[in-house]
Amino acid sequence: MRPGNRKHSGAATVEFALVSAVLLTLVFGTMELGRIFLAWNAALETTRRAARDAAVMGFDALPYARNDGVLHPEASGDSAAFPALGELTAAAVSIRFMSGPFGALTPPASLPGSAAQNLANCTQGLSPCVTAVQASLCLPGSDPCEPLPYLPLGIPGLPLTLYLPLSPATVPLEGAGAAGG
């Protein structure tokens, strides 16, 4: 080995370390950005599916609607989670029934006992006459609805505090005796 080459023997290693740090930050940042878009679209799809299921199946199908919203209709309870997004669980799907022409929320305790009772209420002008279903993503146990935090995989040195959108989806009631549905 010649003496002139010995001075530059570690230069390639240092250059690689500098370039790879920037390259890996870009690669993992791009992956995290893709995951954020996945979470955003999953939030929209989850509430859309849950609202549709609840509108078609009625008052007794809420557990199924929540689990189907996160793509696990066979699950029981509220522990099912959306694939690759552990923070998006069935417990985070809030389903509320709305009545009247302006969509006032109907408290769960005052929901009609059956689809036939709801249809009778709607045709006779009695209250509550449930006409729509709204599903949104909320922090479990929060009232009023608070946004669900997004849990990033993390880029070292870059603190990220993001929240999933509430993504309210409102669907006219169909299967629980709504008038005209």
N, C-alpha and C. Protein backbone atom coordinates (compact mmCIF):
# COMPACT_ATOMS: atom_id res chain seq x y z
N MET A 1 0.85 -1.17 0.00
CA MET A 1 0.00 0.00 0.00
C MET A 1 0.90 1.23 0.00
N ARG A 2 0.51 2.19 -0.80
CA ARG A 2 1.30 3.41 -0.89
C ARG A 2 0.91 4.36 0.22
N PRO A 3 1.80 5.15 0.69
CA PRO A 3 1.51 6.06 1.78
C PRO A 3 0.45 7.11 1.43
N GLY A 4 0.31 7.51 0.20
CA GLY A 4 -0.67 8.54 -0.18
C GLY A 4 -2.11 8.07 -0.01
N ASN A 5 -2.37 6.79 -0.23
CA ASN A 5 -3.75 6.26 -0.11
C ASN A 5 -4.18 6.10 1.33
N ARG A 6 -3.26 5.99 2.22
CA ARG A 6 -3.58 5.75 3.64
C ARG A 6 -4.34 6.93 4.26
N LYS A 7 -4.12 8.16 3.79
CA LYS A 7 -4.79 9.33 4.35
C LYS A 7 -6.29 9.33 4.03
N HIS A 8 -6.66 8.75 2.94
CA HIS A 8 -8.05 8.78 2.48
C HIS A 8 -8.79 7.47 2.70
N SER A 9 -8.27 6.59 3.49
CA SER A 9 -8.88 5.26 3.63
C SER A 9 -10.24 5.28 4.32
N GLY A 10 -10.54 6.23 5.17
CA GLY A 10 -11.83 6.30 5.86
C GLY A 10 -12.81 7.27 5.23
N ALA A 11 -12.43 7.93 4.16
CA ALA A 11 -13.29 8.94 3.53
C ALA A 11 -14.58 8.32 2.98
N ALA A 12 -14.48 7.17 2.36
CA ALA A 12 -15.67 6.53 1.80
C ALA A 12 -16.66 6.14 2.90
N THR A 13 -16.15 5.69 4.04
CA THR A 13 -17.02 5.31 5.15
C THR A 13 -17.76 6.52 5.70
N VAL A 14 -17.08 7.64 5.85
CA VAL A 14 -17.70 8.86 6.35
C VAL A 14 -18.74 9.38 5.35
N GLU A 15 -18.41 9.36 4.07
CA GLU A 15 -19.35 9.80 3.05
C GLU A 15 -20.60 8.91 3.04
N PHE A 16 -20.40 7.61 3.15
CA PHE A 16 -21.52 6.69 3.19
C PHE A 16 -22.42 6.96 4.40
N ALA A 17 -21.82 7.22 5.54
CA ALA A 17 -22.60 7.50 6.75
C ALA A 17 -23.43 8.77 6.59
N LEU A 18 -22.85 9.80 6.01
CA LEU A 18 -23.59 11.05 5.82
C LEU A 18 -24.73 10.89 4.81
N VAL A 19 -24.44 10.25 3.69
CA VAL A 19 -25.44 10.08 2.65
C VAL A 19 -26.53 9.11 3.09
N SER A 20 -26.17 8.03 3.76
CA SER A 20 -27.18 7.04 4.17
C SER A 20 -28.12 7.60 5.24
N ALA A 21 -27.65 8.48 6.10
CA ALA A 21 -28.54 9.09 7.09
C ALA A 21 -29.64 9.91 6.41
N VAL A 22 -29.26 10.69 5.41
CA VAL A 22 -30.24 11.48 4.67
C VAL A 22 -31.16 10.57 3.86
N LEU A 23 -30.61 9.57 3.21
CA LEU A 23 -31.39 8.65 2.39
C LEU A 23 -32.40 7.86 3.24
N LEU A 24 -31.97 7.35 4.36
CA LEU A 24 -32.87 6.59 5.23
C LEU A 24 -33.97 7.47 5.81
N THR A 25 -33.65 8.71 6.13
CA THR A 25 -34.68 9.64 6.61
C THR A 25 -35.72 9.87 5.52
N LEU A 26 -35.29 10.05 4.28
CA LEU A 26 -36.24 10.22 3.18
C LEU A 26 -37.07 8.96 2.96
N VAL A 27 -36.47 7.80 3.01
CA VAL A 27 -37.19 6.54 2.80
C VAL A 27 -38.24 6.33 3.89
N PHE A 28 -37.85 6.46 5.15
CA PHE A 28 -38.80 6.24 6.24
C PHE A 28 -39.84 7.36 6.31
N GLY A 29 -39.47 8.57 5.95
CA GLY A 29 -40.44 9.66 5.89
C GLY A 29 -41.49 9.41 4.82
N THR A 30 -41.07 8.89 3.67
CA THR A 30 -42.01 8.55 2.60
C THR A 30 -42.94 7.42 3.04
N MET A 31 -42.39 6.43 3.73
CA MET A 31 -43.23 5.34 4.23
C MET A 31 -44.25 5.86 5.24
N GLU A 32 -43.85 6.75 6.11
CA GLU A 32 -44.77 7.30 7.12
C GLU A 32 -45.84 8.16 6.45
N LEU A 33 -45.47 8.91 5.42
CA LEU A 33 -46.45 9.70 4.69
C LEU A 33 -47.48 8.79 4.03
N GLY A 34 -47.05 7.68 3.47
CA GLY A 34 -47.97 6.70 2.90
C GLY A 34 -48.89 6.12 3.96
N ARG A 35 -48.36 5.88 5.15
CA ARG A 35 -49.16 5.34 6.25
C ARG A 35 -50.19 6.37 6.74
N ILE A 36 -49.83 7.66 6.69
CA ILE A 36 -50.78 8.71 7.05
C ILE A 36 -51.94 8.72 6.06
N PHE A 37 -51.64 8.59 4.78
CA PHE A 37 -52.71 8.54 3.78
C PHE A 37 -53.57 7.30 3.97
N LEU A 38 -52.95 6.18 4.32
CA LEU A 38 -53.72 4.97 4.63
C LEU A 38 -54.66 5.22 5.79
N ALA A 39 -54.17 5.85 6.85
CA ALA A 39 -55.00 6.12 8.02
C ALA A 39 -56.16 7.05 7.67
N TRP A 40 -55.90 8.06 6.87
CA TRP A 40 -56.94 9.02 6.48
C TRP A 40 -58.04 8.30 5.69
N ASN A 41 -57.63 7.51 4.70
CA ASN A 41 -58.62 6.79 3.89
C ASN A 41 -59.33 5.72 4.71
N ALA A 42 -58.63 5.07 5.62
CA ALA A 42 -59.25 4.05 6.47
C ALA A 42 -60.29 4.68 7.38
N ALA A 43 -60.03 5.89 7.87
CA ALA A 43 -61.00 6.58 8.72
C ALA A 43 -62.27 6.87 7.95
N LEU A 44 -62.14 7.34 6.73
CA LEU A 44 -63.32 7.63 5.90
C LEU A 44 -64.09 6.36 5.59
N GLU A 45 -63.39 5.30 5.21
CA GLU A 45 -64.05 4.05 4.85
C GLU A 45 -64.69 3.39 6.07
N THR A 46 -64.05 3.46 7.21
CA THR A 46 -64.60 2.86 8.43
C THR A 46 -65.93 3.48 8.80
N THR A 47 -66.01 4.79 8.81
CA THR A 47 -67.27 5.44 9.18
C THR A 47 -68.34 5.22 8.12
N ARG A 48 -67.95 5.20 6.86
CA ARG A 48 -68.93 4.96 5.80
C ARG A 48 -69.54 3.57 5.93
N ARG A 49 -68.69 2.56 6.14
CA ARG A 49 -69.18 1.18 6.28
C ARG A 49 -70.05 1.02 7.52
N ALA A 50 -69.62 1.59 8.63
CA ALA A 50 -70.37 1.45 9.88
C ALA A 50 -71.74 2.12 9.78
N ALA A 51 -71.78 3.33 9.20
CA ALA A 51 -73.06 4.03 9.06
C ALA A 51 -73.99 3.26 8.13
N ARG A 52 -73.47 2.74 7.06
CA ARG A 52 -74.30 1.98 6.11
C ARG A 52 -74.85 0.72 6.75
N ASP A 53 -74.00 -0.02 7.47
CA ASP A 53 -74.47 -1.24 8.15
C ASP A 53 -75.56 -0.93 9.17
N ALA A 54 -75.35 0.11 9.96
CA ALA A 54 -76.34 0.47 10.99
C ALA A 54 -77.64 0.95 10.35
N ALA A 55 -77.55 1.65 9.22
CA ALA A 55 -78.76 2.14 8.56
C ALA A 55 -79.58 1.00 7.97
N VAL A 56 -78.91 0.00 7.47
CA VAL A 56 -79.61 -1.11 6.83
C VAL A 56 -80.10 -2.13 7.85
N MET A 57 -79.28 -2.42 8.86
CA MET A 57 -79.60 -3.50 9.80
C MET A 57 -80.38 -3.05 11.03
N GLY A 58 -80.34 -1.78 11.35
CA GLY A 58 -81.15 -1.29 12.45
C GLY A 58 -80.42 -1.16 13.77
N PHE A 59 -81.23 -0.96 14.81
CA PHE A 59 -80.72 -0.61 16.14
C PHE A 59 -79.91 -1.71 16.81
N ASP A 60 -80.25 -2.97 16.52
CA ASP A 60 -79.59 -4.09 17.20
C ASP A 60 -78.26 -4.49 16.57
N ALA A 61 -77.90 -3.91 15.46
CA ALA A 61 -76.71 -4.34 14.73
C ALA A 61 -75.49 -3.48 15.00
N LEU A 62 -75.50 -2.68 16.05
CA LEU A 62 -74.38 -1.76 16.29
C LEU A 62 -73.05 -2.47 16.49
N PRO A 63 -72.96 -3.55 17.29
CA PRO A 63 -71.66 -4.23 17.40
C PRO A 63 -71.15 -4.75 16.06
N TYR A 64 -72.04 -5.33 15.27
CA TYR A 64 -71.63 -5.81 13.95
C TYR A 64 -71.17 -4.64 13.08
N ALA A 65 -71.91 -3.53 13.10
CA ALA A 65 -71.56 -2.38 12.27
C ALA A 65 -70.19 -1.82 12.64
N ARG A 66 -69.90 -1.74 13.94
CA ARG A 66 -68.58 -1.24 14.37
C ARG A 66 -67.46 -2.17 13.91
N ASN A 67 -67.65 -3.46 14.10
CA ASN A 67 -66.61 -4.42 13.70
C ASN A 67 -66.46 -4.49 12.19
N ASP A 68 -67.57 -4.42 11.46
CA ASP A 68 -67.48 -4.43 10.00
C ASP A 68 -66.80 -3.16 9.50
N GLY A 69 -66.98 -2.06 10.21
CA GLY A 69 -66.32 -0.82 9.82
C GLY A 69 -64.81 -0.94 9.82
N VAL A 70 -64.26 -1.70 10.76
CA VAL A 70 -62.81 -1.90 10.82
C VAL A 70 -62.39 -3.21 10.14
N LEU A 71 -63.28 -3.71 9.28
CA LEU A 71 -63.01 -4.88 8.43
C LEU A 71 -62.91 -6.20 9.19
N HIS A 72 -63.58 -6.31 10.32
CA HIS A 72 -63.61 -7.56 11.08
C HIS A 72 -65.04 -7.88 11.50
N PRO A 73 -65.94 -8.17 10.54
CA PRO A 73 -67.33 -8.41 10.90
C PRO A 73 -67.53 -9.63 11.78
N GLU A 74 -66.60 -10.57 11.76
CA GLU A 74 -66.74 -11.80 12.55
C GLU A 74 -66.32 -11.62 14.01
N ALA A 75 -65.72 -10.51 14.34
CA ALA A 75 -65.21 -10.28 15.70
C ALA A 75 -66.36 -10.04 16.67
N SER A 76 -66.09 -10.29 17.95
CA SER A 76 -67.08 -9.98 18.97
C SER A 76 -66.47 -8.93 19.90
N GLY A 77 -67.32 -8.10 20.47
CA GLY A 77 -66.82 -7.01 21.32
C GLY A 77 -66.29 -5.87 20.48
N ASP A 78 -65.59 -4.96 21.14
CA ASP A 78 -65.07 -3.78 20.46
C ASP A 78 -63.55 -3.77 20.35
N SER A 79 -62.92 -4.94 20.38
CA SER A 79 -61.46 -4.99 20.35
C SER A 79 -60.89 -5.15 18.95
N ALA A 80 -61.73 -5.36 17.93
CA ALA A 80 -61.22 -5.52 16.57
C ALA A 80 -60.55 -4.24 16.10
N ALA A 81 -59.44 -4.38 15.39
CA ALA A 81 -58.69 -3.22 14.92
C ALA A 81 -58.48 -3.31 13.42
N PHE A 82 -58.39 -2.14 12.79
CA PHE A 82 -58.12 -2.07 11.36
C PHE A 82 -56.71 -2.60 11.09
N PRO A 83 -56.53 -3.40 10.05
CA PRO A 83 -55.18 -3.93 9.76
C PRO A 83 -54.16 -2.82 9.56
N ALA A 84 -53.02 -2.94 10.22
CA ALA A 84 -51.88 -2.02 10.13
C ALA A 84 -52.11 -0.68 10.83
N LEU A 85 -53.26 -0.51 11.48
CA LEU A 85 -53.54 0.72 12.22
C LEU A 85 -54.17 0.34 13.55
N GLY A 86 -53.36 0.05 14.53
CA GLY A 86 -53.84 -0.41 15.82
C GLY A 86 -54.70 0.59 16.56
N GLU A 87 -54.57 1.88 16.26
CA GLU A 87 -55.35 2.88 16.96
C GLU A 87 -56.80 2.95 16.46
N LEU A 88 -57.07 2.41 15.29
CA LEU A 88 -58.40 2.44 14.70
C LEU A 88 -59.14 1.15 15.06
N THR A 89 -59.84 1.18 16.19
CA THR A 89 -60.53 -0.02 16.68
C THR A 89 -62.04 0.17 16.59
N ALA A 90 -62.76 -0.93 16.78
CA ALA A 90 -64.23 -0.86 16.77
C ALA A 90 -64.74 0.03 17.90
N ALA A 91 -64.03 0.08 19.01
CA ALA A 91 -64.44 0.93 20.13
C ALA A 91 -64.39 2.41 19.77
N ALA A 92 -63.61 2.78 18.77
CA ALA A 92 -63.48 4.18 18.37
C ALA A 92 -64.59 4.61 17.41
N VAL A 93 -65.38 3.66 16.92
CA VAL A 93 -66.46 3.99 15.99
C VAL A 93 -67.71 4.35 16.80
N SER A 94 -68.12 5.59 16.69
CA SER A 94 -69.30 6.08 17.40
C SER A 94 -70.47 6.12 16.42
N ILE A 95 -71.55 5.42 16.75
CA ILE A 95 -72.73 5.39 15.89
C ILE A 95 -73.88 6.04 16.66
N ARG A 96 -74.47 7.06 16.03
CA ARG A 96 -75.58 7.77 16.66
C ARG A 96 -76.75 7.85 15.69
N PHE A 97 -77.93 7.80 16.25
CA PHE A 97 -79.14 7.89 15.44
C PHE A 97 -79.68 9.30 15.51
N MET A 98 -80.24 9.76 14.39
CA MET A 98 -80.71 11.13 14.28
C MET A 98 -82.19 11.12 13.93
N SER A 99 -82.91 12.11 14.42
CA SER A 99 -84.34 12.20 14.14
C SER A 99 -84.71 13.61 13.76
N GLY A 100 -85.88 13.71 13.14
CA GLY A 100 -86.38 15.01 12.77
C GLY A 100 -85.78 15.54 11.50
N PRO A 101 -86.33 16.62 10.98
CA PRO A 101 -85.85 17.17 9.71
C PRO A 101 -84.47 17.81 9.81
N PHE A 102 -84.06 18.19 11.02
CA PHE A 102 -82.77 18.85 11.17
C PHE A 102 -81.70 17.92 11.71
N GLY A 103 -82.00 16.66 11.87
CA GLY A 103 -81.01 15.67 12.30
C GLY A 103 -80.59 15.80 13.74
N ALA A 104 -81.54 16.04 14.64
CA ALA A 104 -81.20 16.10 16.07
C ALA A 104 -80.81 14.71 16.55
N LEU A 105 -79.78 14.64 17.37
CA LEU A 105 -79.32 13.35 17.89
C LEU A 105 -80.35 12.77 18.84
N THR A 106 -80.59 11.49 18.71
CA THR A 106 -81.53 10.78 19.58
C THR A 106 -80.73 10.05 20.65
N PRO A 107 -80.95 10.32 21.92
CA PRO A 107 -80.22 9.61 22.97
C PRO A 107 -80.48 8.11 22.89
N PRO A 108 -79.46 7.28 23.15
CA PRO A 108 -79.63 5.82 23.05
C PRO A 108 -80.77 5.28 23.91
N ALA A 109 -81.03 5.91 25.06
CA ALA A 109 -82.08 5.42 25.95
C ALA A 109 -83.47 5.62 25.37
N SER A 110 -83.64 6.58 24.46
CA SER A 110 -84.97 6.85 23.92
C SER A 110 -85.18 6.30 22.51
N LEU A 111 -84.29 5.42 22.04
CA LEU A 111 -84.48 4.81 20.72
C LEU A 111 -85.72 3.92 20.74
N PRO A 112 -86.44 3.85 19.63
CA PRO A 112 -87.58 2.93 19.57
C PRO A 112 -87.10 1.49 19.79
N GLY A 113 -87.98 0.67 20.33
CA GLY A 113 -87.62 -0.71 20.64
C GLY A 113 -87.45 -1.61 19.43
N SER A 114 -88.05 -1.23 18.31
CA SER A 114 -87.98 -2.07 17.12
C SER A 114 -88.17 -1.21 15.88
N ALA A 115 -87.97 -1.85 14.72
CA ALA A 115 -88.20 -1.16 13.46
C ALA A 115 -89.67 -0.83 13.29
N ALA A 116 -90.55 -1.73 13.73
CA ALA A 116 -91.98 -1.48 13.62
C ALA A 116 -92.40 -0.28 14.48
N GLN A 117 -91.85 -0.18 15.68
CA GLN A 117 -92.17 0.95 16.55
C GLN A 117 -91.67 2.26 15.95
N ASN A 118 -90.48 2.23 15.35
CA ASN A 118 -89.95 3.43 14.71
C ASN A 118 -90.83 3.85 13.53
N LEU A 119 -91.27 2.88 12.73
CA LEU A 119 -92.15 3.18 11.60
C LEU A 119 -93.46 3.77 12.09
N ALA A 120 -94.00 3.22 13.17
CA ALA A 120 -95.24 3.77 13.74
C ALA A 120 -95.02 5.19 14.23
N ASN A 121 -93.90 5.44 14.89
CA ASN A 121 -93.60 6.80 15.35
C ASN A 121 -93.48 7.77 14.18
N CYS A 122 -92.83 7.34 13.11
CA CYS A 122 -92.63 8.22 11.96
C CYS A 122 -93.95 8.51 11.24
N THR A 123 -94.80 7.50 11.07
CA THR A 123 -96.05 7.71 10.34
C THR A 123 -97.07 8.49 11.17
N GLN A 124 -97.00 8.37 12.50
CA GLN A 124 -97.96 9.06 13.37
C GLN A 124 -97.43 10.41 13.87
N GLY A 125 -96.22 10.76 13.49
CA GLY A 125 -95.64 12.03 13.90
C GLY A 125 -95.21 12.05 15.36
N LEU A 126 -94.94 10.88 15.93
CA LEU A 126 -94.51 10.80 17.32
C LEU A 126 -93.00 10.89 17.41
N SER A 127 -92.53 11.10 18.61
CA SER A 127 -91.09 11.19 18.84
C SER A 127 -90.65 10.00 19.68
N PRO A 128 -89.52 9.41 19.44
CA PRO A 128 -88.56 9.74 18.40
C PRO A 128 -88.88 9.00 17.10
N CYS A 129 -88.67 9.69 16.02
CA CYS A 129 -88.79 9.12 14.68
C CYS A 129 -87.39 9.16 14.07
N VAL A 130 -86.67 8.07 14.18
CA VAL A 130 -85.28 8.02 13.71
C VAL A 130 -85.27 7.98 12.19
N THR A 131 -84.53 8.90 11.58
CA THR A 131 -84.51 9.01 10.12
C THR A 131 -83.12 8.84 9.51
N ALA A 132 -82.08 8.91 10.32
CA ALA A 132 -80.72 8.82 9.78
C ALA A 132 -79.77 8.25 10.82
N VAL A 133 -78.63 7.80 10.33
CA VAL A 133 -77.56 7.26 11.18
C VAL A 133 -76.29 8.04 10.88
N GLN A 134 -75.55 8.39 11.93
CA GLN A 134 -74.26 9.06 11.75
C GLN A 134 -73.18 8.26 12.47
N ALA A 135 -72.12 7.95 11.74
CA ALA A 135 -70.96 7.27 12.33
C ALA A 135 -69.78 8.22 12.25
N SER A 136 -68.97 8.24 13.29
CA SER A 136 -67.75 9.05 13.29
C SER A 136 -66.71 8.36 14.16
N LEU A 137 -65.47 8.80 14.03
CA LEU A 137 -64.38 8.24 14.83
C LEU A 137 -64.13 9.15 16.02
N CYS A 138 -64.22 8.58 17.21
CA CYS A 138 -64.02 9.36 18.43
C CYS A 138 -63.09 8.60 19.36
N LEU A 139 -62.42 9.33 20.19
CA LEU A 139 -61.65 8.72 21.25
C LEU A 139 -62.63 7.95 22.13
N PRO A 140 -62.40 6.64 22.34
CA PRO A 140 -63.37 5.86 23.13
C PRO A 140 -63.64 6.50 24.50
N GLY A 141 -64.92 6.64 24.83
CA GLY A 141 -65.32 7.21 26.11
C GLY A 141 -65.41 8.72 26.12
N SER A 142 -65.14 9.38 25.00
CA SER A 142 -65.20 10.85 24.99
C SER A 142 -66.59 11.32 24.58
N ASP A 143 -67.10 12.30 25.31
CA ASP A 143 -68.37 12.90 24.97
C ASP A 143 -68.31 14.36 25.36
N PRO A 144 -68.25 15.31 24.47
CA PRO A 144 -68.43 15.19 23.04
C PRO A 144 -67.24 14.50 22.37
N CYS A 145 -67.45 14.19 21.12
CA CYS A 145 -66.48 13.41 20.34
C CYS A 145 -65.14 14.15 20.22
N GLU A 146 -64.07 13.50 20.66
CA GLU A 146 -62.72 14.04 20.51
C GLU A 146 -61.98 13.22 19.46
N PRO A 147 -61.10 13.86 18.68
CA PRO A 147 -60.41 13.12 17.63
C PRO A 147 -59.50 12.03 18.17
N LEU A 148 -59.36 11.01 17.38
CA LEU A 148 -58.54 9.85 17.72
C LEU A 148 -57.08 10.15 17.35
N PRO A 149 -56.12 9.98 18.28
CA PRO A 149 -54.73 10.28 17.93
C PRO A 149 -54.16 9.25 16.96
N TYR A 150 -53.37 9.73 16.02
CA TYR A 150 -52.66 8.88 15.07
C TYR A 150 -51.32 8.53 15.70
N LEU A 151 -50.97 7.26 15.70
CA LEU A 151 -49.72 6.81 16.29
C LEU A 151 -48.69 6.54 15.20
N PRO A 152 -47.81 7.51 14.92
CA PRO A 152 -46.82 7.30 13.86
C PRO A 152 -45.77 6.28 14.28
N LEU A 153 -45.19 5.65 13.27
CA LEU A 153 -44.11 4.71 13.54
C LEU A 153 -42.91 5.45 14.09
N GLY A 154 -42.76 6.68 13.70
CA GLY A 154 -41.74 7.53 14.30
C GLY A 154 -40.50 7.69 13.46
N ILE A 155 -40.10 8.91 13.33
CA ILE A 155 -38.82 9.26 12.73
C ILE A 155 -38.02 9.87 13.86
N PRO A 156 -36.88 9.31 14.21
CA PRO A 156 -36.12 9.84 15.34
C PRO A 156 -35.86 11.33 15.19
N GLY A 157 -36.13 12.07 16.26
CA GLY A 157 -35.90 13.50 16.28
C GLY A 157 -37.01 14.34 15.69
N LEU A 158 -38.07 13.69 15.18
CA LEU A 158 -39.17 14.44 14.58
C LEU A 158 -40.46 14.12 15.35
N PRO A 159 -40.81 14.98 16.31
CA PRO A 159 -42.03 14.71 17.08
C PRO A 159 -43.27 15.02 16.23
N LEU A 160 -44.14 14.04 16.12
CA LEU A 160 -45.36 14.19 15.34
C LEU A 160 -46.57 13.99 16.24
N THR A 161 -47.46 14.95 16.27
CA THR A 161 -48.72 14.79 16.97
C THR A 161 -49.82 15.04 15.94
N LEU A 162 -50.40 13.96 15.46
CA LEU A 162 -51.46 14.05 14.46
C LEU A 162 -52.71 13.36 14.98
N TYR A 163 -53.85 13.76 14.44
CA TYR A 163 -55.11 13.15 14.82
C TYR A 163 -55.83 12.71 13.56
N LEU A 164 -56.52 11.57 13.68
CA LEU A 164 -57.33 11.11 12.56
C LEU A 164 -58.56 12.01 12.46
N PRO A 165 -59.08 12.20 11.25
CA PRO A 165 -60.27 13.03 11.12
C PRO A 165 -61.48 12.32 11.75
N LEU A 166 -62.43 13.10 12.25
CA LEU A 166 -63.65 12.51 12.82
C LEU A 166 -64.43 11.76 11.74
N SER A 167 -64.33 12.20 10.53
CA SER A 167 -64.94 11.56 9.36
C SER A 167 -66.41 11.22 9.54
N PRO A 168 -67.24 12.17 9.92
CA PRO A 168 -68.65 11.81 10.10
C PRO A 168 -69.29 11.40 8.77
N ALA A 169 -69.99 10.28 8.80
CA ALA A 169 -70.73 9.79 7.64
C ALA A 169 -72.18 9.66 8.06
N THR A 170 -73.06 10.35 7.37
CA THR A 170 -74.49 10.32 7.67
C THR A 170 -75.24 9.64 6.54
N VAL A 171 -76.06 8.66 6.91
CA VAL A 171 -76.78 7.84 5.94
C VAL A 171 -78.25 7.81 6.34
N PRO A 172 -79.19 7.94 5.39
CA PRO A 172 -80.59 7.83 5.74
C PRO A 172 -80.92 6.42 6.24
N LEU A 173 -81.78 6.33 7.21
CA LEU A 173 -82.16 5.04 7.80
C LEU A 173 -83.00 4.25 6.80
N GLU A 174 -82.68 2.96 6.66
CA GLU A 174 -83.41 2.13 5.72
C GLU A 174 -84.06 0.93 6.38
N GLY A 175 -83.32 0.21 7.20
CA GLY A 175 -83.81 -1.07 7.71
C GLY A 175 -84.50 -1.02 9.05
N ALA A 176 -84.63 0.12 9.66
CA ALA A 176 -85.26 0.18 10.97
C ALA A 176 -86.57 0.94 10.94
N GLY A 177 -87.27 0.84 9.81
CA GLY A 177 -88.60 1.37 9.75
C GLY A 177 -88.72 2.85 9.50
N ALA A 178 -87.75 3.47 8.89
CA ALA A 178 -87.88 4.90 8.60
C ALA A 178 -88.95 5.12 7.55
N ALA A 179 -89.70 6.15 7.72
CA ALA A 179 -90.75 6.45 6.75
C ALA A 179 -90.12 6.76 5.40
N GLY A 180 -90.61 6.14 4.38
CA GLY A 180 -90.09 6.37 3.03
C GLY A 180 -88.84 5.55 2.74
N GLY A 181 -88.31 4.78 3.69
CA GLY A 181 -87.10 4.02 3.47
C GLY A 181 -87.40 2.62 3.43
